[in-house]
Amino acid sequence: MTTIAESSAATIAREDAPKLMLAAICACAKLHGITTITISYDGHGDEGGIDGMTLNGPAREDGRAAPEIEMPDMPCSTWTVPYRGDAFAVETTFESALNDLGYELIAQNHAGWENGEGAFGEVIIDVEAGRATHDHNTRYVSYDSTAYEWEC
């Protein structure tokens, strides 16, 4: 896992950002016993955004659901990606870093997800495995056309 301190570049290519952003998030999350992070989003009509972040601790041995953890108020050294351009290192809050990561993971594969009928989904981060999965659902309008021709 590369950390910002180990990186020799002040900026990195946009396509490389998610991997380093995810590593930074996982490192911060482990400090607070967070094992799973769920980032939910929804968009349509040319608007949209992240509408929820849920943090959970380790699963309980008795089968009950993993406890939800409040958003920690802590700093996080990570990367951010401007609208256009390469990513650069930042010192920010854990919540802001999660928000940036969520938007970047969505944008990497689904630019324009908020336009038209929009899309919705979740990014689920397995902190221990250092892996994020993205479940994306695109809305669309469909129609059926028929044509007829008559001759006399």
C-alpha atoms as a PDB file:
ATOM      1  CA  MET A   1       0.000   0.000   0.000  1.00  0.00           C
ATOM      2  CA  THR A   2       1.454   3.365  -1.024  1.00  0.00           C
ATOM      3  CA  THR A   3       0.925   6.288   1.310  1.00  0.00           C
ATOM      4  CA  ILE A   4       1.212   9.944   0.472  1.00  0.00           C
ATOM      5  CA  ALA A   5       4.426  10.135   2.461  1.00  0.00           C
ATOM      6  CA  GLU A   6       5.918   7.364   0.303  1.00  0.00           C
ATOM      7  CA  SER A   7       4.840   8.974  -2.965  1.00  0.00           C
ATOM      8  CA  SER A   8       7.460  11.098  -4.646  1.00  0.00           C
ATOM      9  CA  ALA A   9       4.944  12.938  -6.845  1.00  0.00           C
ATOM     10  CA  ALA A  10       2.997  16.019  -5.842  1.00  0.00           C
ATOM     11  CA  THR A  11       0.329  14.988  -8.343  1.00  0.00           C
ATOM     12  CA  ILE A  12      -0.766  11.684  -9.819  1.00  0.00           C
ATOM     13  CA  ALA A  13      -2.714  10.766 -12.924  1.00  0.00           C
ATOM     14  CA  ARG A  14      -6.474  10.751 -12.439  1.00  0.00           C
ATOM     15  CA  GLU A  15      -6.783   7.054 -13.300  1.00  0.00           C
ATOM     16  CA  ASP A  16      -4.366   6.199 -10.473  1.00  0.00           C
ATOM     17  CA  ALA A  17      -6.207   8.253  -7.858  1.00  0.00           C
ATOM     18  CA  PRO A  18      -8.891   5.760  -6.716  1.00  0.00           C
ATOM     19  CA  LYS A  19      -6.344   3.170  -5.596  1.00  0.00           C
ATOM     20  CA  LEU A  20      -4.418   5.675  -3.473  1.00  0.00           C
ATOM     21  CA  MET A  21      -7.590   7.347  -2.175  1.00  0.00           C
ATOM     22  CA  LEU A  22      -8.953   3.953  -1.124  1.00  0.00           C
ATOM     23  CA  ALA A  23      -5.698   3.073   0.659  1.00  0.00           C
ATOM     24  CA  ALA A  24      -5.829   6.349   2.611  1.00  0.00           C
ATOM     25  CA  ILE A  25      -9.479   5.807   3.590  1.00  0.00           C
ATOM     26  CA  CYS A  26      -8.804   2.260   4.759  1.00  0.00           C
ATOM     27  CA  ALA A  27      -5.833   3.374   6.854  1.00  0.00           C
ATOM     28  CA  CYS A  28      -7.937   6.062   8.580  1.00  0.00           C
ATOM     29  CA  ALA A  29     -10.946   3.747   9.035  1.00  0.00           C
ATOM     30  CA  LYS A  30      -8.869   1.059  10.763  1.00  0.00           C
ATOM     31  CA  LEU A  31      -7.915   3.590  13.450  1.00  0.00           C
ATOM     32  CA  HIS A  32     -11.581   3.734  14.518  1.00  0.00           C
ATOM     33  CA  GLY A  33     -12.559   0.073  14.222  1.00  0.00           C
ATOM     34  CA  ILE A  34     -14.507   0.623  10.992  1.00  0.00           C
ATOM     35  CA  THR A  35     -14.672  -2.534   8.885  1.00  0.00           C
ATOM     36  CA  THR A  36     -17.294  -1.641   6.253  1.00  0.00           C
ATOM     37  CA  ILE A  37     -18.251   1.662   4.663  1.00  0.00           C
ATOM     38  CA  THR A  38     -21.312   2.099   2.433  1.00  0.00           C
ATOM     39  CA  ILE A  39     -21.626   5.229   0.317  1.00  0.00           C
ATOM     40  CA  SER A  40     -25.080   5.672  -1.293  1.00  0.00           C
ATOM     41  CA  TYR A  41     -25.850   8.059  -4.147  1.00  0.00           C
ATOM     42  CA  ASP A  42     -28.779   9.097  -6.320  1.00  0.00           C
ATOM     43  CA  GLY A  43     -29.140  11.477  -9.231  1.00  0.00           C
ATOM     44  CA  HIS A  44     -31.595  12.576 -11.893  1.00  0.00           C
ATOM     45  CA  GLY A  45     -32.703  15.692 -13.741  1.00  0.00           C
ATOM     46  CA  ASP A  46     -29.127  17.009 -13.997  1.00  0.00           C
ATOM     47  CA  GLU A  47     -28.643  16.902 -10.241  1.00  0.00           C
ATOM     48  CA  GLY A  48     -27.482  14.316  -7.808  1.00  0.00           C
ATOM     49  CA  GLY A  49     -25.191  13.547  -4.996  1.00  0.00           C
ATOM     50  CA  ILE A  50     -24.031  11.262  -2.286  1.00  0.00           C
ATOM     51  CA  ASP A  51     -27.014  10.907   0.002  1.00  0.00           C
ATOM     52  CA  GLY A  52     -25.628   8.741   2.762  1.00  0.00           C
ATOM     53  CA  MET A  53     -22.560   7.168   4.306  1.00  0.00           C
ATOM     54  CA  THR A  54     -22.835   4.278   6.745  1.00  0.00           C
ATOM     55  CA  LEU A  55     -19.895   3.047   8.789  1.00  0.00           C
ATOM     56  CA  ASN A  56     -19.974  -0.338  10.495  1.00  0.00           C
ATOM     57  CA  GLY A  57     -17.722  -2.125  12.936  1.00  0.00           C
ATOM     58  CA  PRO A  58     -16.875  -5.826  12.933  1.00  0.00           C
ATOM     59  CA  ALA A  59     -19.662  -8.402  12.730  1.00  0.00           C
ATOM     60  CA  ARG A  60     -20.869  -9.696  16.090  1.00  0.00           C
ATOM     61  CA  GLU A  61     -20.234 -13.300  17.002  1.00  0.00           C
ATOM     62  CA  ASP A  62     -23.863 -13.852  18.106  1.00  0.00           C
ATOM     63  CA  GLY A  63     -25.177 -13.175  14.583  1.00  0.00           C
ATOM     64  CA  ARG A  64     -26.585  -9.727  15.306  1.00  0.00           C
ATOM     65  CA  ALA A  65     -25.902  -6.983  12.765  1.00  0.00           C
ATOM     66  CA  ALA A  66     -22.567  -5.201  12.934  1.00  0.00           C
ATOM     67  CA  PRO A  67     -22.829  -2.008  14.981  1.00  0.00           C
ATOM     68  CA  GLU A  68     -23.062   1.298  13.158  1.00  0.00           C
ATOM     69  CA  ILE A  69     -20.283   3.734  14.005  1.00  0.00           C
ATOM     70  CA  GLU A  70     -20.635   7.510  14.046  1.00  0.00           C
ATOM     71  CA  MET A  71     -18.578   9.492  11.549  1.00  0.00           C
ATOM     72  CA  PRO A  72     -15.284  10.181  13.321  1.00  0.00           C
ATOM     73  CA  ASP A  73     -14.040  13.743  13.400  1.00  0.00           C
ATOM     74  CA  MET A  74     -10.455  13.051  12.381  1.00  0.00           C
ATOM     75  CA  PRO A  75      -7.921  14.241   9.831  1.00  0.00           C
ATOM     76  CA  CYS A  76      -7.092  12.121   6.816  1.00  0.00           C
ATOM     77  CA  SER A  77      -4.127  12.458   4.441  1.00  0.00           C
ATOM     78  CA  THR A  78      -5.426  11.532   1.016  1.00  0.00           C
ATOM     79  CA  TRP A  79      -5.765  12.640  -2.588  1.00  0.00           C
ATOM     80  CA  THR A  80      -8.392  14.768  -4.259  1.00  0.00           C
ATOM     81  CA  VAL A  81      -9.291  15.048  -7.917  1.00  0.00           C
ATOM     82  CA  PRO A  82     -10.363  18.386  -9.392  1.00  0.00           C
ATOM     83  CA  TYR A  83     -13.082  18.510 -12.041  1.00  0.00           C
ATOM     84  CA  ARG A  84     -10.380  18.438 -14.690  1.00  0.00           C
ATOM     85  CA  GLY A  85      -6.767  17.543 -14.154  1.00  0.00           C
ATOM     86  CA  ASP A  86      -4.575  15.300 -12.100  1.00  0.00           C
ATOM     87  CA  ALA A  87      -5.071  14.326  -8.470  1.00  0.00           C
ATOM     88  CA  PHE A  88      -3.072  16.012  -5.748  1.00  0.00           C
ATOM     89  CA  ALA A  89      -2.326  15.306  -2.091  1.00  0.00           C
ATOM     90  CA  VAL A  90      -4.490  16.969   0.575  1.00  0.00           C
ATOM     91  CA  GLU A  91      -4.985  17.011   4.308  1.00  0.00           C
ATOM     92  CA  THR A  92      -8.724  16.896   4.968  1.00  0.00           C
ATOM     93  CA  THR A  93     -11.313  15.323   7.243  1.00  0.00           C
ATOM     94  CA  PHE A  94     -12.225  11.641   7.054  1.00  0.00           C
ATOM     95  CA  GLU A  95     -15.780  12.542   5.992  1.00  0.00           C
ATOM     96  CA  SER A  96     -14.566  14.821   3.207  1.00  0.00           C
ATOM     97  CA  ALA A  97     -12.087  12.165   2.035  1.00  0.00           C
ATOM     98  CA  LEU A  98     -14.926   9.610   1.872  1.00  0.00           C
ATOM     99  CA  ASN A  99     -17.054  12.037  -0.095  1.00  0.00           C
ATOM    100  CA  ASP A 100     -14.215  12.675  -2.585  1.00  0.00           C
ATOM    101  CA  LEU A 101     -13.550   8.951  -2.970  1.00  0.00           C
ATOM    102  CA  GLY A 102     -17.224   8.199  -3.557  1.00  0.00           C
ATOM    103  CA  TYR A 103     -17.565  10.808  -6.297  1.00  0.00           C
ATOM    104  CA  GLU A 104     -14.323   9.726  -7.957  1.00  0.00           C
ATOM    105  CA  LEU A 105     -15.200   6.020  -7.983  1.00  0.00           C
ATOM    106  CA  ILE A 106     -18.575   6.825  -9.549  1.00  0.00           C
ATOM    107  CA  ALA A 107     -17.096   9.225 -12.118  1.00  0.00           C
ATOM    108  CA  GLN A 108     -14.347   6.814 -13.211  1.00  0.00           C
ATOM    109  CA  ASN A 109     -16.909   4.535 -14.885  1.00  0.00           C
ATOM    110  CA  HIS A 110     -20.154   6.510 -15.021  1.00  0.00           C
ATOM    111  CA  ALA A 111     -19.540  10.142 -15.934  1.00  0.00           C
ATOM    112  CA  GLY A 112     -22.872  11.955 -16.242  1.00  0.00           C
ATOM    113  CA  TRP A 113     -24.662   9.597 -13.837  1.00  0.00           C
ATOM    114  CA  GLU A 114     -26.732  12.510 -12.560  1.00  0.00           C
ATOM    115  CA  ASN A 115     -28.020  13.620 -15.978  1.00  0.00           C
ATOM    116  CA  GLY A 116     -31.377  12.846 -17.568  1.00  0.00           C
ATOM    117  CA  GLU A 117     -33.137  10.024 -15.768  1.00  0.00           C
ATOM    118  CA  GLY A 118     -29.974   9.596 -13.739  1.00  0.00           C
ATOM    119  CA  ALA A 119     -28.646   6.691 -11.767  1.00  0.00           C
ATOM    120  CA  PHE A 120     -28.322   5.419  -8.233  1.00  0.00           C
ATOM    121  CA  GLY A 121     -26.170   2.942  -6.398  1.00  0.00           C
ATOM    122  CA  GLU A 122     -23.723   2.142  -3.656  1.00  0.00           C
ATOM    123  CA  VAL A 123     -20.000   1.945  -3.180  1.00  0.00           C
ATOM    124  CA  ILE A 124     -19.166  -0.598  -0.490  1.00  0.00           C
ATOM    125  CA  ILE A 125     -15.697  -0.559   1.026  1.00  0.00           C
ATOM    126  CA  ASP A 126     -14.328  -3.634   2.786  1.00  0.00           C
ATOM    127  CA  VAL A 127     -11.722  -1.927   4.953  1.00  0.00           C
ATOM    128  CA  GLU A 128      -9.852  -5.084   5.995  1.00  0.00           C
ATOM    129  CA  ALA A 129      -9.513  -6.307   2.391  1.00  0.00           C
ATOM    130  CA  GLY A 130      -8.753  -2.824   1.075  1.00  0.00           C
ATOM    131  CA  ARG A 131     -11.352  -3.307  -1.648  1.00  0.00           C
ATOM    132  CA  ALA A 132     -14.292  -1.277  -2.922  1.00  0.00           C
ATOM    133  CA  THR A 133     -17.184  -2.627  -4.957  1.00  0.00           C
ATOM    134  CA  HIS A 134     -19.542  -0.418  -6.915  1.00  0.00           C
ATOM    135  CA  ASP A 135     -23.163  -1.374  -7.623  1.00  0.00           C
ATOM    136  CA  HIS A 136     -24.504   1.120 -10.201  1.00  0.00           C
ATOM    137  CA  ASN A 137     -28.028   1.314 -11.605  1.00  0.00           C
ATOM    138  CA  THR A 138     -28.761   3.503 -14.635  1.00  0.00           C
ATOM    139  CA  ARG A 139     -32.308   4.759 -15.184  1.00  0.00           C
ATOM    140  CA  TYR A 140     -33.550   5.240 -18.721  1.00  0.00           C
ATOM    141  CA  VAL A 141     -36.706   5.919 -20.665  1.00  0.00           C
ATOM    142  CA  SER A 142     -37.590   3.426 -23.340  1.00  0.00           C
ATOM    143  CA  TYR A 143     -40.147   3.506 -26.126  1.00  0.00           C
ATOM    144  CA  ASP A 144     -41.583   1.173 -28.727  1.00  0.00           C
ATOM    145  CA  SER A 145     -42.100   2.408 -32.291  1.00  0.00           C
ATOM    146  CA  THR A 146     -44.264   1.053 -35.038  1.00  0.00           C
ATOM    147  CA  ALA A 147     -44.726   2.226 -38.608  1.00  0.00           C
ATOM    148  CA  TYR A 148     -47.439   1.367 -41.129  1.00  0.00           C
ATOM    149  CA  GLU A 149     -47.788   1.832 -44.846  1.00  0.00           C
ATOM    150  CA  TRP A 150     -50.860   1.517 -47.074  1.00  0.00           C
ATOM    151  CA  GLU A 151     -51.290   1.596 -50.774  1.00  0.00           C
ATOM    152  CA  CYS A 152     -54.460   2.250 -52.737  1.00  0.00           C
END
